[in-house]
Amino acid sequence: MPKDTSTPLSSLQPGQTGTIQSVKAADTELLRHLEGLGLVPNAEIVVKEYSPFDHNLTVKVGQKTAVLGLNITSKIFVEEN
């Protein structure tokens, strides 16, 4: 079995990129919300900004930009590019 080398999106810094590997959440509303933002497995993601005060990440997926809190970014696992 291959070793899982994915890392939480919350650990990436501005300028880093990754490919979403999985979303570890059971909340169907959250999963639908992420899907609407394009945050699905195999999507390429770019971290644009980080707010050290509230740990929000501004990310870009395709043409969409979103601000995500730690509660969400800790559930999205990426393979760093």
Protein backbone atom coordinates (compact mmCIF):
# COMPACT_ATOMS: atom_id res chain seq x y z
CA MET A 1 0.00 0.00 0.00
CA PRO A 2 1.50 3.40 -0.98
CA LYS A 3 2.30 5.78 1.83
CA ASP A 4 0.00 8.80 2.14
CA THR A 5 2.18 11.87 1.64
CA SER A 6 -0.66 14.39 1.62
CA THR A 7 -0.57 17.34 3.99
CA PRO A 8 -3.38 19.55 5.33
CA LEU A 9 -4.02 22.64 3.23
CA SER A 10 -3.69 24.63 6.47
CA SER A 11 0.07 23.97 6.48
CA LEU A 12 0.73 25.62 3.11
CA GLN A 13 2.01 29.20 2.88
CA PRO A 14 1.38 31.93 0.30
CA GLY A 15 2.95 31.07 -3.03
CA GLN A 16 2.75 27.33 -2.47
CA THR A 17 0.66 25.14 -4.74
CA GLY A 18 -0.83 21.70 -4.41
CA THR A 19 -3.23 19.16 -5.81
CA ILE A 20 -6.19 18.23 -3.64
CA GLN A 21 -6.00 14.55 -2.71
CA SER A 22 -8.95 14.24 -0.34
CA VAL A 23 -11.44 16.05 1.87
CA LYS A 24 -11.93 14.44 5.25
CA ALA A 25 -15.41 15.61 6.18
CA ALA A 26 -18.75 13.89 6.62
CA ASP A 27 -20.85 17.07 6.50
CA THR A 28 -22.67 16.91 3.16
CA GLU A 29 -23.41 20.66 3.16
CA LEU A 30 -19.71 21.42 3.60
CA LEU A 31 -18.81 18.99 0.83
CA ARG A 32 -21.36 20.63 -1.52
CA HIS A 33 -19.98 24.07 -0.64
CA LEU A 34 -16.42 22.96 -1.40
CA GLU A 35 -17.54 21.36 -4.65
CA GLY A 36 -19.16 24.65 -5.66
CA LEU A 37 -15.83 26.38 -5.07
CA GLY A 38 -14.02 23.78 -7.17
CA LEU A 39 -12.26 22.32 -4.12
CA VAL A 40 -12.49 18.69 -5.16
CA PRO A 41 -9.93 15.88 -5.53
CA ASN A 42 -7.37 16.44 -8.30
CA ALA A 43 -8.01 20.21 -8.39
CA GLU A 44 -4.91 22.41 -8.50
CA ILE A 45 -4.85 24.99 -5.72
CA VAL A 46 -2.67 28.07 -5.12
CA VAL A 47 -2.35 29.70 -1.71
CA LYS A 48 -2.48 33.46 -2.28
CA GLU A 49 -2.62 34.94 1.25
CA TYR A 50 -2.47 33.92 4.89
CA SER A 51 -3.91 35.86 7.83
CA PRO A 52 -1.94 35.11 11.02
CA PHE A 53 -4.66 36.64 13.18
CA ASP A 54 -7.44 34.22 12.29
CA HIS A 55 -5.49 31.60 10.27
CA ASN A 56 -7.58 32.18 7.15
CA LEU A 57 -6.11 31.23 3.79
CA THR A 58 -7.01 32.93 0.54
CA VAL A 59 -6.80 30.28 -2.16
CA LYS A 60 -7.30 30.19 -5.89
CA VAL A 61 -8.72 27.21 -7.77
CA GLY A 62 -9.14 27.77 -11.49
CA GLN A 63 -10.69 31.23 -11.87
CA LYS A 64 -12.26 31.21 -8.38
CA THR A 65 -10.76 32.75 -5.26
CA ALA A 66 -12.01 31.90 -1.78
CA VAL A 67 -11.12 32.71 1.82
CA LEU A 68 -11.18 29.59 4.00
CA GLY A 69 -10.90 29.25 7.76
CA LEU A 70 -8.82 26.76 9.69
CA ASN A 71 -11.88 24.58 10.32
CA ILE A 72 -12.04 23.92 6.58
CA THR A 73 -8.37 24.02 5.55
CA SER A 74 -7.53 21.39 8.15
CA LYS A 75 -9.91 18.95 6.42
CA ILE A 76 -8.54 19.39 2.89
CA PHE A 77 -5.45 17.31 2.17
CA VAL A 78 -3.12 18.17 -0.68
CA GLU A 79 -0.03 16.86 -2.38
CA GLU A 80 2.39 19.77 -2.53
CA ASN A 81 3.62 20.67 -6.02
